[in-house]
Structures are given as structure tokens and as C-alpha cells.
C-alpha atoms as a PDB file:
ATOM      1  CA  UNK A   1       0.000   0.000   0.000  1.00  0.00           C
ATOM      2  CA  UNK A   2       1.230   3.462  -0.860  1.00  0.00           C
ATOM      3  CA  UNK A   3       0.761   6.240   1.688  1.00  0.00           C
ATOM      4  CA  UNK A   4       1.279   9.930   1.110  1.00  0.00           C
ATOM      5  CA  UNK A   5       1.296  12.833   3.536  1.00  0.00           C
ATOM      6  CA  UNK A   6      -1.189  15.650   2.925  1.00  0.00           C
ATOM      7  CA  UNK A   7       1.744  17.898   1.982  1.00  0.00           C
ATOM      8  CA  UNK A   8       2.472  15.463  -0.895  1.00  0.00           C
ATOM      9  CA  UNK A   9      -1.059  15.550  -2.312  1.00  0.00           C
ATOM     10  CA  UNK A  10      -0.324  18.177  -4.981  1.00  0.00           C
ATOM     11  CA  UNK A  11       2.515  16.062  -6.363  1.00  0.00           C
ATOM     12  CA  UNK A  12       0.307  12.941  -6.293  1.00  0.00           C
ATOM     13  CA  UNK A  13      -2.499  14.810  -8.090  1.00  0.00           C
ATOM     14  CA  UNK A  14      -0.103  15.916 -10.835  1.00  0.00           C
ATOM     15  CA  UNK A  15       1.160  12.353 -11.348  1.00  0.00           C
ATOM     16  CA  UNK A  16      -2.389  10.990 -11.317  1.00  0.00           C
ATOM     17  CA  UNK A  17      -3.507  13.517 -13.942  1.00  0.00           C
ATOM     18  CA  UNK A  18      -0.523  12.699 -16.156  1.00  0.00           C
ATOM     19  CA  UNK A  19      -1.314   8.954 -15.999  1.00  0.00           C
ATOM     20  CA  UNK A  20      -5.077   9.379 -16.457  1.00  0.00           C
ATOM     21  CA  UNK A  21      -5.781  12.805 -17.979  1.00  0.00           C
ATOM     22  CA  UNK A  22      -9.410  11.917 -18.702  1.00  0.00           C
ATOM     23  CA  UNK A  23     -10.156  10.860 -15.090  1.00  0.00           C
ATOM     24  CA  UNK A  24     -10.400  13.447 -12.327  1.00  0.00           C
ATOM     25  CA  UNK A  25      -8.678  12.326  -9.092  1.00  0.00           C
ATOM     26  CA  UNK A  26     -10.857  11.703  -6.042  1.00  0.00           C
ATOM     27  CA  UNK A  27     -10.251  12.213  -2.354  1.00  0.00           C
ATOM     28  CA  UNK A  28     -12.455   9.584  -0.736  1.00  0.00           C
ATOM     29  CA  UNK A  29     -13.382  10.664   2.786  1.00  0.00           C
ATOM     30  CA  UNK A  30     -14.347   7.525   4.720  1.00  0.00           C
ATOM     31  CA  UNK A  31     -15.145   9.192   8.051  1.00  0.00           C
ATOM     32  CA  UNK A  32     -18.520   9.127   9.764  1.00  0.00           C
ATOM     33  CA  UNK A  33     -21.105  11.796   8.801  1.00  0.00           C
ATOM     34  CA  UNK A  34     -20.649  13.716  12.071  1.00  0.00           C
ATOM     35  CA  UNK A  35     -16.879  13.860  11.445  1.00  0.00           C
ATOM     36  CA  UNK A  36     -17.400  15.072   7.887  1.00  0.00           C
ATOM     37  CA  UNK A  37     -19.728  17.816   9.174  1.00  0.00           C
ATOM     38  CA  UNK A  38     -17.192  18.793  11.853  1.00  0.00           C
ATOM     39  CA  UNK A  39     -14.230  19.144   9.493  1.00  0.00           C
ATOM     40  CA  UNK A  40     -14.023  18.667   5.735  1.00  0.00           C
ATOM     41  CA  UNK A  41     -11.399  19.402   3.126  1.00  0.00           C
ATOM     42  CA  UNK A  42     -12.038  21.786   0.257  1.00  0.00           C
ATOM     43  CA  UNK A  43     -11.858  20.173  -3.184  1.00  0.00           C
ATOM     44  CA  UNK A  44      -8.956  21.767  -5.036  1.00  0.00           C
ATOM     45  CA  UNK A  45      -7.884  19.889  -8.153  1.00  0.00           C
ATOM     46  CA  UNK A  46      -9.835  16.796  -7.116  1.00  0.00           C
ATOM     47  CA  UNK A  47     -13.388  15.644  -6.483  1.00  0.00           C
ATOM     48  CA  UNK A  48     -14.333  15.049  -2.852  1.00  0.00           C
ATOM     49  CA  UNK A  49     -16.495  11.984  -2.245  1.00  0.00           C
ATOM     50  CA  UNK A  50     -17.856  11.192   1.212  1.00  0.00           C
ATOM     51  CA  UNK A  51     -18.407   7.454   1.703  1.00  0.00           C
ATOM     52  CA  UNK A  52     -18.305   6.302   5.343  1.00  0.00           C
ATOM     53  CA  UNK A  53     -16.125   3.220   5.772  1.00  0.00           C
ATOM     54  CA  UNK A  54     -19.027   0.953   6.702  1.00  0.00           C
ATOM     55  CA  UNK A  55     -20.783   1.838   3.415  1.00  0.00           C
ATOM     56  CA  UNK A  56     -17.781   1.206   1.145  1.00  0.00           C
ATOM     57  CA  UNK A  57     -18.532  -2.506   0.440  1.00  0.00           C
ATOM     58  CA  UNK A  58     -22.004  -1.552  -0.795  1.00  0.00           C
ATOM     59  CA  UNK A  59     -21.014   1.668  -2.600  1.00  0.00           C
ATOM     60  CA  UNK A  60     -17.472   1.276  -3.964  1.00  0.00           C
ATOM     61  CA  UNK A  61     -18.778   0.595  -7.479  1.00  0.00           C
ATOM     62  CA  UNK A  62     -19.855   4.255  -7.587  1.00  0.00           C
ATOM     63  CA  UNK A  63     -16.146   4.888  -8.228  1.00  0.00           C
ATOM     64  CA  UNK A  64     -14.319   4.086 -11.469  1.00  0.00           C
ATOM     65  CA  UNK A  65     -11.683   1.375 -10.879  1.00  0.00           C
ATOM     66  CA  UNK A  66      -9.295   3.307 -13.150  1.00  0.00           C
ATOM     67  CA  UNK A  67      -9.838   6.578 -11.272  1.00  0.00           C
ATOM     68  CA  UNK A  68      -7.017   7.809  -9.029  1.00  0.00           C
ATOM     69  CA  UNK A  69      -8.301   7.677  -5.422  1.00  0.00           C
ATOM     70  CA  UNK A  70      -6.696   9.032  -2.251  1.00  0.00           C
ATOM     71  CA  UNK A  71      -8.444   7.790   0.907  1.00  0.00           C
ATOM     72  CA  UNK A  72      -8.832  10.045   3.947  1.00  0.00           C
ATOM     73  CA  UNK A  73     -10.046   9.479   7.519  1.00  0.00           C
ATOM     74  CA  UNK A  74      -9.231  11.026  10.912  1.00  0.00           C
ATOM     75  CA  UNK A  75      -5.682   9.686  11.418  1.00  0.00           C
ATOM     76  CA  UNK A  76      -5.148   7.178   8.585  1.00  0.00           C
ATOM     77  CA  UNK A  77      -6.161   3.774   9.997  1.00  0.00           C
ATOM     78  CA  UNK A  78      -9.658   3.471   8.516  1.00  0.00           C
ATOM     79  CA  UNK A  79      -8.525   4.889   5.190  1.00  0.00           C
ATOM     80  CA  UNK A  80      -5.686   2.323   5.083  1.00  0.00           C
ATOM     81  CA  UNK A  81      -8.272  -0.457   5.474  1.00  0.00           C
ATOM     82  CA  UNK A  82     -10.336   1.042   2.652  1.00  0.00           C
ATOM     83  CA  UNK A  83      -7.232   1.236   0.436  1.00  0.00           C
ATOM     84  CA  UNK A  84      -6.665  -2.498   0.981  1.00  0.00           C
ATOM     85  CA  UNK A  85     -10.319  -3.235   0.212  1.00  0.00           C
ATOM     86  CA  UNK A  86     -10.261  -1.178  -2.994  1.00  0.00           C
ATOM     87  CA  UNK A  87      -7.005  -2.778  -4.145  1.00  0.00           C
ATOM     88  CA  UNK A  88      -8.507  -6.247  -3.571  1.00  0.00           C
ATOM     89  CA  UNK A  89     -11.426  -5.161  -5.732  1.00  0.00           C
ATOM     90  CA  UNK A  90      -9.479  -4.037  -8.780  1.00  0.00           C
ATOM     91  CA  UNK A  91      -8.469  -0.461  -8.014  1.00  0.00           C
ATOM     92  CA  UNK A  92      -4.877   0.197  -9.032  1.00  0.00           C
ATOM     93  CA  UNK A  93      -4.418   3.954  -8.522  1.00  0.00           C
ATOM     94  CA  UNK A  94      -5.262   4.216  -4.824  1.00  0.00           C
ATOM     95  CA  UNK A  95      -3.280   5.681  -1.921  1.00  0.00           C
ATOM     96  CA  UNK A  96      -3.767   6.335   1.776  1.00  0.00           C
ATOM     97  CA  UNK A  97      -3.463   9.874   3.128  1.00  0.00           C
ATOM     98  CA  UNK A  98      -1.204   9.221   6.117  1.00  0.00           C
ATOM     99  CA  UNK A  99      -2.215  11.123   9.244  1.00  0.00           C
ATOM    100  CA  UNK A 100      -5.715  11.799   7.928  1.00  0.00           C
ATOM    101  CA  UNK A 101      -7.558  15.049   8.271  1.00  0.00           C
ATOM    102  CA  UNK A 102      -5.620  15.750  11.456  1.00  0.00           C
ATOM    103  CA  UNK A 103      -2.376  15.919   9.435  1.00  0.00           C
ATOM    104  CA  UNK A 104      -4.231  17.742   6.637  1.00  0.00           C
ATOM    105  CA  UNK A 105      -4.996  20.576   9.062  1.00  0.00           C
ATOM    106  CA  UNK A 106      -1.326  20.797  10.091  1.00  0.00           C
ATOM    107  CA  UNK A 107       0.341  20.302   6.691  1.00  0.00           C
ATOM    108  CA  UNK A 108      -2.070  21.603   4.084  1.00  0.00           C
ATOM    109  CA  UNK A 109      -4.923  23.760   5.364  1.00  0.00           C
ATOM    110  CA  UNK A 110      -4.882  25.206   8.908  1.00  0.00           C
ATOM    111  CA  UNK A 111      -8.475  26.423   8.446  1.00  0.00           C
ATOM    112  CA  UNK A 112      -9.672  22.786   8.754  1.00  0.00           C
ATOM    113  CA  UNK A 113     -10.849  22.238  12.352  1.00  0.00           C
ATOM    114  CA  UNK A 114      -8.965  19.701  14.451  1.00  0.00           C
ATOM    115  CA  UNK A 115     -11.091  17.397  16.599  1.00  0.00           C
END
């Protein structure tokens, strides 16, 4: 499994776009609805999709298997599990955002609330 830090997202997005110029990268937020309402990232060069971890097995086909996907949770554990699940189900361009939204607030966007 590949993990990136939030500070590396721009570089990952550029690589993803160069590999798949016709597919817009996705940040897949797998946190619970209350967490998403508390703190969410702003889509900037990617589509933001909220799909709580427990709903991923039923909903993952809403995503294109060829689409670059970066998974995000609170600290990185749930998103790592989702990365493994997606890879087992045919997704090849998928990474974990190490440190989750907590690291995102520190490394990328201090306006994102920390909880």
C-alpha cells in the first residue's frame, strides 16, 4: 500500500492527472457523517467523495476502478483499510493519506478544524 502525507497531495495529483488525464482524481473521505460535518477538506484539483467506511462494500462501485483515489479518515487507519479493500477489488491507482484530516490541518490547510 502506498501512503502519502497531505503535503504530498499536490505532487500525487499531478502524477495521477498525467497517468489518467481523462479521469479526475478523487479524495475519498471515509469518516462518519458527524466527522465530515465537523471538518471537511475543500476540493482543489480533485473531487471530494464522502463514503463512510461501513458503506464502502455496498457503494465502492460508484467509483471508477481506473480513477485515481486518495483515501482520507481522521488519522489514517480506517482509510488504510479502505485502500486495501479497494485494491482487492481491482483499483490500481489508490493511496492512503497518512495522518488523515488531522495531518491535513497541520500540513495543508490550517483552516480545517482539528477534533
